[in-house]
Amino acid sequence: MVFNIIKASALLNYKHRDRVTKVDDGEEYEAVLVDPEDVVNVIRCLETLRATTHEIDQKKRAIVEGIRAKSGPDDAIEGVGPIREFLKESDAPEVKQGELENILEDLADNFLIHIGEGSGEGGRDVYRAY
């Protein structure tokens, strides 16, 4: 999907893009080259794009940010305590315990975090943000 959006940006701005002639199976065609600004156009809207494709709302974004902020040198946290601490310290929306567990599973399903079940000290889960 991201590749298609980058390609669309280049095609929308075709008048300002370089072109090359390609030959494929003896057939010649003209191709529009993607510029770095086409990629930047997508990066600018990445948060909105993720919200659309992965249903990433403000709570989910705050939880991922909490994992990143509270992680140690190994980029991981044990248990949900550090996440709850971050949510209390920040202006993030309140998240109930059951809701937090569902959100963490959803984030793992969308490959935004990794959950090492029972791999922490005392059998606690370890959370790592990608």
Foldseek 3Di string as FASTA:
>chain_A
DLVVQLQVLQVVVVVPFDKDWDADPNDIDIDTDGDVVSNVVCVVCVVVVCCVPLVCDQQLVLQLVQLQVPDDPVQKDWACVSSQVSCVVDVGDDADPVRVVVSLVSCVVVVQKDWQQLPDPPRTIMIHGD
